[in-house]
PDB file of N, CA and C in Angstrom:
ATOM      1  N   MET A   1     203.290  61.470  38.921  1.00  0.00           N
ATOM      2  CA  MET A   1     202.201  61.877  39.774  1.00  0.00           C
ATOM      3  C   MET A   1     202.741  62.142  41.181  1.00  0.00           C
ATOM      4  N   SER A   2     202.460  63.296  41.763  1.00  0.00           N
ATOM      5  CA  SER A   2     202.933  63.671  43.086  1.00  0.00           C
ATOM      6  C   SER A   2     202.057  63.032  44.150  1.00  0.00           C
ATOM      7  N   PRO A   3     202.677  62.619  45.266  1.00  0.00           N
ATOM      8  CA  PRO A   3     201.872  62.060  46.347  1.00  0.00           C
ATOM      9  C   PRO A   3     200.987  63.130  46.980  1.00  0.00           C
ATOM     10  N   GLN A   4     199.918  62.692  47.628  1.00  0.00           N
ATOM     11  CA  GLN A   4     199.024  63.619  48.319  1.00  0.00           C
ATOM     12  C   GLN A   4     199.772  64.246  49.492  1.00  0.00           C
ATOM     13  N   PRO A   5     199.578  65.533  49.736  1.00  0.00           N
ATOM     14  CA  PRO A   5     200.231  66.147  50.888  1.00  0.00           C
ATOM     15  C   PRO A   5     199.710  65.529  52.179  1.00  0.00           C
ATOM     16  N   THR A   6     200.596  65.372  53.137  1.00  0.00           N
ATOM     17  CA  THR A   6     200.201  64.803  54.417  1.00  0.00           C
ATOM     18  C   THR A   6     199.919  65.925  55.405  1.00  0.00           C
ATOM     19  N   GLU A   7     199.145  65.602  56.413  1.00  0.00           N
ATOM     20  CA  GLU A   7     198.843  66.573  57.460  1.00  0.00           C
ATOM     21  C   GLU A   7     200.122  66.864  58.243  1.00  0.00           C
ATOM     22  N   TYR A   8     200.323  68.131  58.585  1.00  0.00           N
ATOM     23  CA  TYR A   8     201.513  68.532  59.321  1.00  0.00           C
ATOM     24  C   TYR A   8     201.514  67.925  60.722  1.00  0.00           C
ATOM     25  N   ARG A   9     202.657  67.348  61.105  1.00  0.00           N
ATOM     26  CA  ARG A   9     202.855  66.812  62.453  1.00  0.00           C
ATOM     27  C   ARG A   9     203.836  67.738  63.174  1.00  0.00           C
ATOM     28  N   PRO A  10     203.371  68.475  64.175  1.00  0.00           N
ATOM     29  CA  PRO A  10     204.265  69.404  64.877  1.00  0.00           C
ATOM     30  C   PRO A  10     205.484  68.683  65.440  1.00  0.00           C
ATOM     31  N   ILE A  11     206.621  69.372  65.414  1.00  0.00           N
ATOM     32  CA  ILE A  11     207.854  68.819  65.966  1.00  0.00           C
ATOM     33  C   ILE A  11     207.984  69.275  67.415  1.00  0.00           C
ATOM     34  N   SER A  12     208.938  68.692  68.135  1.00  0.00           N
ATOM     35  CA  SER A  12     209.124  69.052  69.545  1.00  0.00           C
ATOM     36  C   SER A  12     209.600  70.498  69.677  1.00  0.00           C
ATOM     37  N   CYS A  13     209.213  71.119  70.759  1.00  0.00           N
ATOM     38  CA  CYS A  13     209.640  72.498  71.033  1.00  0.00           C
ATOM     39  C   CYS A  13     211.156  72.582  71.169  1.00  0.00           C
ATOM     40  N   ASP A  14     211.773  71.555  71.757  1.00  0.00           N
ATOM     41  CA  ASP A  14     213.232  71.564  71.917  1.00  0.00           C
ATOM     42  C   ASP A  14     213.935  71.572  70.563  1.00  0.00           C
ATOM     43  N   TYR A  15     213.423  70.788  69.613  1.00  0.00           N
ATOM     44  CA  TYR A  15     214.056  70.758  68.288  1.00  0.00           C
ATOM     45  C   TYR A  15     213.791  72.080  67.556  1.00  0.00           C
ATOM     46  N   HIS A  16     212.613  72.620  67.734  1.00  0.00           N
ATOM     47  CA  HIS A  16     212.279  73.918  67.133  1.00  0.00           C
ATOM     48  C   HIS A  16     213.243  74.982  67.652  1.00  0.00           C
ATOM     49  N   ASP A  17     213.510  74.970  68.959  1.00  0.00           N
ATOM     50  CA  ASP A  17     214.460  75.912  69.557  1.00  0.00           C
ATOM     51  C   ASP A  17     215.861  75.731  68.965  1.00  0.00           C
ATOM     52  N   LEU A  18     216.251  74.480  68.745  1.00  0.00           N
ATOM     53  CA  LEU A  18     217.547  74.197  68.134  1.00  0.00           C
ATOM     54  C   LEU A  18     217.624  74.805  66.736  1.00  0.00           C
ATOM     55  N   LEU A  19     216.564  74.633  65.955  1.00  0.00           N
ATOM     56  CA  LEU A  19     216.537  75.194  64.598  1.00  0.00           C
ATOM     57  C   LEU A  19     216.619  76.720  64.634  1.00  0.00           C
ATOM     58  N   GLU A  20     215.938  77.329  65.588  1.00  0.00           N
ATOM     59  CA  GLU A  20     216.004  78.784  65.709  1.00  0.00           C
ATOM     60  C   GLU A  20     217.417  79.246  66.073  1.00  0.00           C
ATOM     61  N   SER A  21     218.119  78.463  66.899  1.00  0.00           N
ATOM     62  CA  SER A  21     219.496  78.839  67.242  1.00  0.00           C
ATOM     63  C   SER A  21     220.398  78.751  66.010  1.00  0.00           C
ATOM     64  N   PHE A  22     220.164  77.769  65.145  1.00  0.00           N
ATOM     65  CA  PHE A  22     220.918  77.684  63.893  1.00  0.00           C
ATOM     66  C   PHE A  22     220.599  78.887  62.996  1.00  0.00           C
ATOM     67  N   ALA A  23     219.340  79.300  62.981  1.00  0.00           N
ATOM     68  CA  ALA A  23     218.947  80.439  62.154  1.00  0.00           C
ATOM     69  C   ALA A  23     219.604  81.730  62.646  1.00  0.00           C
ATOM     70  N   ILE A  24     219.696  81.885  63.946  1.00  0.00           N
ATOM     71  CA  ILE A  24     220.347  83.076  64.506  1.00  0.00           C
ATOM     72  C   ILE A  24     221.829  83.090  64.151  1.00  0.00           C
ATOM     73  N   ALA A  25     222.485  81.932  64.209  1.00  0.00           N
ATOM     74  CA  ALA A  25     223.921  81.829  63.925  1.00  0.00           C
ATOM     75  C   ALA A  25     224.238  82.033  62.442  1.00  0.00           C
ATOM     76  N   ARG A  26     223.286  81.671  61.567  1.00  0.00           N
ATOM     77  CA  ARG A  26     223.474  81.790  60.114  1.00  0.00           C
ATOM     78  C   ARG A  26     224.724  81.053  59.597  1.00  0.00           C
ATOM     79  N   ALA A  27     225.180  80.063  60.340  1.00  0.00           N
ATOM     80  CA  ALA A  27     226.341  79.276  59.918  1.00  0.00           C
ATOM     81  C   ALA A  27     225.878  78.133  59.024  1.00  0.00           C
ATOM     82  N   SER A  28     226.751  77.661  58.189  1.00  0.00           N
ATOM     83  CA  SER A  28     226.438  76.539  57.309  1.00  0.00           C
ATOM     84  C   SER A  28     226.138  75.299  58.145  1.00  0.00           C
ATOM     85  N   ALA A  29     225.116  74.559  57.753  1.00  0.00           N
ATOM     86  CA  ALA A  29     224.707  73.347  58.452  1.00  0.00           C
ATOM     87  C   ALA A  29     224.494  72.227  57.433  1.00  0.00           C
ATOM     88  N   GLN A  30     224.604  71.005  57.896  1.00  0.00           N
ATOM     89  CA  GLN A  30     224.283  69.837  57.077  1.00  0.00           C
ATOM     90  C   GLN A  30     222.834  69.484  57.370  1.00  0.00           C
ATOM     91  N   ILE A  31     221.969  69.634  56.366  1.00  0.00           N
ATOM     92  CA  ILE A  31     220.528  69.457  56.537  1.00  0.00           C
ATOM     93  C   ILE A  31     220.081  68.239  55.737  1.00  0.00           C
ATOM     94  N   CYS A  32     219.470  67.298  56.424  1.00  0.00           N
ATOM     95  CA  CYS A  32     218.993  66.066  55.789  1.00  0.00           C
ATOM     96  C   CYS A  32     217.474  66.021  55.957  1.00  0.00           C
ATOM     97  N   PHE A  33     216.766  65.768  54.843  1.00  0.00           N
ATOM     98  CA  PHE A  33     215.301  65.789  54.872  1.00  0.00           C
ATOM     99  C   PHE A  33     214.738  64.924  53.753  1.00  0.00           C
ATOM    100  N   ARG A  34     213.450  64.680  53.821  1.00  0.00           N
ATOM    101  CA  ARG A  34     212.724  63.987  52.747  1.00  0.00           C
ATOM    102  C   ARG A  34     211.986  65.036  51.937  1.00  0.00           C
ATOM    103  N   ASP A  35     212.099  64.959  50.608  1.00  0.00           N
ATOM    104  CA  ASP A  35     211.392  65.915  49.753  1.00  0.00           C
ATOM    105  C   ASP A  35     209.927  65.491  49.598  1.00  0.00           C
ATOM    106  N   ALA A  36     209.167  66.232  48.823  1.00  0.00           N
ATOM    107  CA  ALA A  36     207.730  65.979  48.663  1.00  0.00           C
ATOM    108  C   ALA A  36     207.432  64.592  48.105  1.00  0.00           C
ATOM    109  N   GLU A  37     208.382  64.021  47.367  1.00  0.00           N
ATOM    110  CA  GLU A  37     208.200  62.679  46.816  1.00  0.00           C
ATOM    111  C   GLU A  37     208.722  61.602  47.754  1.00  0.00           C
ATOM    112  N   GLY A  38     209.313  62.008  48.896  1.00  0.00           N
ATOM    113  CA  GLY A  38     209.832  61.049  49.869  1.00  0.00           C
ATOM    114  C   GLY A  38     211.289  60.687  49.666  1.00  0.00           C
ATOM    115  N   ALA A  39     211.949  61.298  48.695  1.00  0.00           N
ATOM    116  CA  ALA A  39     213.358  60.992  48.433  1.00  0.00           C
ATOM    117  C   ALA A  39     214.248  61.708  49.448  1.00  0.00           C
ATOM    118  N   LEU A  40     215.308  61.036  49.850  1.00  0.00           N
ATOM    119  CA  LEU A  40     216.273  61.595  50.781  1.00  0.00           C
ATOM    120  C   LEU A  40     217.060  62.708  50.111  1.00  0.00           C
ATOM    121  N   GLN A  41     217.150  63.847  50.779  1.00  0.00           N
ATOM    122  CA  GLN A  41     217.884  65.001  50.260  1.00  0.00           C
ATOM    123  C   GLN A  41     218.863  65.477  51.321  1.00  0.00           C
ATOM    124  N   ARG A  42     220.009  65.987  50.868  1.00  0.00           N
ATOM    125  CA  ARG A  42     221.005  66.565  51.772  1.00  0.00           C
ATOM    126  C   ARG A  42     221.443  67.898  51.195  1.00  0.00           C
ATOM    127  N   ARG A  43     221.582  68.878  52.078  1.00  0.00           N
ATOM    128  CA  ARG A  43     222.069  70.186  51.671  1.00  0.00           C
ATOM    129  C   ARG A  43     223.079  70.680  52.687  1.00  0.00           C
ATOM    130  N   SER A  44     224.049  71.401  52.208  1.00  0.00           N
ATOM    131  CA  SER A  44     224.948  72.156  53.064  1.00  0.00           C
ATOM    132  C   SER A  44     224.548  73.607  52.861  1.00  0.00           C
ATOM    133  N   ALA A  45     223.882  74.179  53.855  1.00  0.00           N
ATOM    134  CA  ALA A  45     223.325  75.525  53.719  1.00  0.00           C
ATOM    135  C   ALA A  45     223.069  76.101  55.092  1.00  0.00           C
ATOM    136  N   ALA A  46     222.974  77.409  55.159  1.00  0.00           N
ATOM    137  CA  ALA A  46     222.585  78.073  56.401  1.00  0.00           C
ATOM    138  C   ALA A  46     221.063  78.084  56.498  1.00  0.00           C
ATOM    139  N   ILE A  47     220.566  77.965  57.716  1.00  0.00           N
ATOM    140  CA  ILE A  47     219.138  78.151  57.972  1.00  0.00           C
ATOM    141  C   ILE A  47     218.946  79.645  58.188  1.00  0.00           C
ATOM    142  N   THR A  48     218.159  80.268  57.319  1.00  0.00           N
ATOM    143  CA  THR A  48     217.995  81.721  57.407  1.00  0.00           C
ATOM    144  C   THR A  48     216.699  82.140  58.089  1.00  0.00           C
ATOM    145  N   ASP A  49     215.730  81.229  58.197  1.00  0.00           N
ATOM    146  CA  ASP A  49     214.481  81.569  58.863  1.00  0.00           C
ATOM    147  C   ASP A  49     213.737  80.304  59.242  1.00  0.00           C
ATOM    148  N   VAL A  50     212.972  80.386  60.312  1.00  0.00           N
ATOM    149  CA  VAL A  50     212.026  79.343  60.722  1.00  0.00           C
ATOM    150  C   VAL A  50     210.691  80.065  60.866  1.00  0.00           C
ATOM    151  N   PHE A  51     209.674  79.594  60.139  1.00  0.00           N
ATOM    152  CA  PHE A  51     208.412  80.339  60.094  1.00  0.00           C
ATOM    153  C   PHE A  51     207.222  79.402  59.926  1.00  0.00           C
ATOM    154  N   ALA A  52     206.029  79.947  60.202  1.00  0.00           N
ATOM    155  CA  ALA A  52     204.780  79.209  60.045  1.00  0.00           C
ATOM    156  C   ALA A  52     203.990  79.806  58.893  1.00  0.00           C
ATOM    157  N   ARG A  53     203.316  78.918  58.146  1.00  0.00           N
ATOM    158  CA  ARG A  53     202.455  79.352  57.049  1.00  0.00           C
ATOM    159  C   ARG A  53     201.384  78.287  56.823  1.00  0.00           C
ATOM    160  N   ASP A  54     200.147  78.697  56.766  1.00  0.00           N
ATOM    161  CA  ASP A  54     199.022  77.800  56.454  1.00  0.00           C
ATOM    162  C   ASP A  54     198.969  76.565  57.351  1.00  0.00           C
ATOM    163  N   GLY A  55     199.247  76.749  58.641  1.00  0.00           N
ATOM    164  CA  GLY A  55     199.130  75.656  59.596  1.00  0.00           C
ATOM    165  C   GLY A  55     200.308  74.710  59.657  1.00  0.00           C
ATOM    166  N   SER A  56     201.384  75.002  58.934  1.00  0.00           N
ATOM    167  CA  SER A  56     202.596  74.185  58.968  1.00  0.00           C
ATOM    168  C   SER A  56     203.779  75.077  59.286  1.00  0.00           C
ATOM    169  N   GLU A  57     204.877  74.459  59.733  1.00  0.00           N
ATOM    170  CA  GLU A  57     206.095  75.211  60.020  1.00  0.00           C
ATOM    171  C   GLU A  57     207.184  74.794  59.043  1.00  0.00           C
ATOM    172  N   TYR A  58     208.025  75.754  58.688  1.00  0.00           N
ATOM    173  CA  TYR A  58     209.051  75.545  57.670  1.00  0.00           C
ATOM    174  C   TYR A  58     210.362  76.180  58.098  1.00  0.00           C
ATOM    175  N   LEU A  59     211.429  75.732  57.442  1.00  0.00           N
ATOM    176  CA  LEU A  59     212.680  76.469  57.529  1.00  0.00           C
ATOM    177  C   LEU A  59     213.066  76.897  56.126  1.00  0.00           C
ATOM    178  N   LEU A  60     213.738  78.029  56.062  1.00  0.00           N
ATOM    179  CA  LEU A  60     214.233  78.565  54.807  1.00  0.00           C
ATOM    180  C   LEU A  60     215.744  78.434  54.824  1.00  0.00           C
ATOM    181  N   MET A  61     216.289  77.864  53.765  1.00  0.00           N
ATOM    182  CA  MET A  61     217.735  77.691  53.653  1.00  0.00           C
ATOM    183  C   MET A  61     218.327  78.788  52.785  1.00  0.00           C
ATOM    184  N   SER A  62     219.625  78.995  52.944  1.00  0.00           N
ATOM    185  CA  SER A  62     220.327  80.000  52.148  1.00  0.00           C
ATOM    186  C   SER A  62     220.305  79.673  50.664  1.00  0.00           C
ATOM    187  N   THR A  63     219.920  78.453  50.299  1.00  0.00           N
ATOM    188  CA  THR A  63     219.776  78.067  48.892  1.00  0.00           C
ATOM    189  C   THR A  63     218.485  78.609  48.297  1.00  0.00           C
ATOM    190  N   GLY A  64     217.590  79.131  49.174  1.00  0.00           N
ATOM    191  CA  GLY A  64     216.282  79.600  48.732  1.00  0.00           C
ATOM    192  C   GLY A  64     215.203  78.544  48.875  1.00  0.00           C
ATOM    193  N   GLU A  65     215.569  77.334  49.230  1.00  0.00           N
ATOM    194  CA  GLU A  65     214.614  76.238  49.382  1.00  0.00           C
ATOM    195  C   GLU A  65     213.955  76.294  50.758  1.00  0.00           C
ATOM    196  N   THR A  66     212.709  75.849  50.819  1.00  0.00           N
ATOM    197  CA  THR A  66     212.019  75.695  52.091  1.00  0.00           C
ATOM    198  C   THR A  66     211.777  74.214  52.346  1.00  0.00           C
ATOM    199  N   VAL A  67     211.791  73.849  53.618  1.00  0.00           N
ATOM    200  CA  VAL A  67     211.548  72.465  54.032  1.00  0.00           C
ATOM    201  C   VAL A  67     210.536  72.496  55.167  1.00  0.00           C
ATOM    202  N   ARG A  68     209.501  71.702  55.047  1.00  0.00           N
ATOM    203  CA  ARG A  68     208.538  71.589  56.132  1.00  0.00           C
ATOM    204  C   ARG A  68     209.232  70.883  57.299  1.00  0.00           C
ATOM    205  N   LEU A  69     209.069  71.409  58.500  1.00  0.00           N
ATOM    206  CA  LEU A  69     209.837  70.905  59.634  1.00  0.00           C
ATOM    207  C   LEU A  69     209.620  69.428  59.918  1.00  0.00           C
ATOM    208  N   ASP A  70     208.429  68.912  59.698  1.00  0.00           N
ATOM    209  CA  ASP A  70     208.211  67.488  59.959  1.00  0.00           C
ATOM    210  C   ASP A  70     208.786  66.589  58.859  1.00  0.00           C
ATOM    211  N   HIS A  71     209.419  67.182  57.843  1.00  0.00           N
ATOM    212  CA  HIS A  71     210.119  66.413  56.812  1.00  0.00           C
ATOM    213  C   HIS A  71     211.613  66.345  57.086  1.00  0.00           C
ATOM    214  N   LEU A  72     212.058  67.064  58.112  1.00  0.00           N
ATOM    215  CA  LEU A  72     213.469  67.018  58.480  1.00  0.00           C
ATOM    216  C   LEU A  72     213.821  65.669  59.075  1.00  0.00           C
ATOM    217  N   LEU A  73     215.047  65.237  58.821  1.00  0.00           N
ATOM    218  CA  LEU A  73     215.575  64.040  59.465  1.00  0.00           C
ATOM    219  C   LEU A  73     216.662  64.427  60.461  1.00  0.00           C
ATOM    220  N   ALA A  74     217.550  65.350  60.054  1.00  0.00           N
ATOM    221  CA  ALA A  74     218.645  65.766  60.932  1.00  0.00           C
ATOM    222  C   ALA A  74     219.223  67.087  60.447  1.00  0.00           C
ATOM    223  N   VAL A  75     219.768  67.822  61.396  1.00  0.00           N
ATOM    224  CA  VAL A  75     220.541  69.020  61.114  1.00  0.00           C
ATOM    225  C   VAL A  75     221.821  68.905  61.932  1.00  0.00           C
ATOM    226  N   ASN A  76     222.956  68.892  61.240  1.00  0.00           N
ATOM    227  CA  ASN A  76     224.258  68.743  61.911  1.00  0.00           C
ATOM    228  C   ASN A  76     224.273  67.566  62.882  1.00  0.00           C
ATOM    229  N   ASP A  77     223.776  66.434  62.456  1.00  0.00           N
ATOM    230  CA  ASP A  77     223.735  65.205  63.246  1.00  0.00           C
ATOM    231  C   ASP A  77     222.792  65.258  64.449  1.00  0.00           C
ATOM    232  N   PHE A  78     222.019  66.334  64.605  1.00  0.00           N
ATOM    233  CA  PHE A  78     220.960  66.366  65.608  1.00  0.00           C
ATOM    234  C   PHE A  78     219.724  65.795  64.936  1.00  0.00           C
ATOM    235  N   LYS A  79     219.378  64.549  65.279  1.00  0.00           N
ATOM    236  CA  LYS A  79     218.270  63.861  64.619  1.00  0.00           C
ATOM    237  C   LYS A  79     216.932  64.250  65.239  1.00  0.00           C
ATOM    238  N   LEU A  80     215.977  64.595  64.376  1.00  0.00           N
ATOM    239  CA  LEU A  80     214.644  64.956  64.836  1.00  0.00           C
ATOM    240  C   LEU A  80     214.038  63.816  65.658  1.00  0.00           C
ATOM    241  N   ALA A  81     214.270  62.580  65.258  1.00  0.00           N
ATOM    242  CA  ALA A  81     213.698  61.430  65.941  1.00  0.00           C
ATOM    243  C   ALA A  81     214.176  61.313  67.397  1.00  0.00           C
ATOM    244  N   ASP A  82     215.290  61.957  67.733  1.00  0.00           N
ATOM    245  CA  ASP A  82     215.812  61.906  69.094  1.00  0.00           C
ATOM    246  C   ASP A  82     215.165  62.932  70.017  1.00  0.00           C
ATOM    247  N   TYR A  83     214.269  63.754  69.471  1.00  0.00           N
ATOM    248  CA  TYR A  83     213.645  64.823  70.264  1.00  0.00           C
ATOM    249  C   TYR A  83     212.179  64.559  70.467  1.00  0.00           C
TER     250      TYR A  83
END
């Protein structure tokens, strides 16, 4: 059984800007996040887009996966909690 979706919590503008700079660079990044079930996930992938849909913001990875921005933990050791 999947957990109920949580309401989107906007991230800081500074961290959003950081994610956009990674998307522009298209370089491989270490992305750490929690999946829909709350499990810790890690990917080595480029961020190819940062976008909004249905009141939430997401990033698209070169793997084809999307991650809701408030589920991110860190990108290249830049921790969301520090912003």
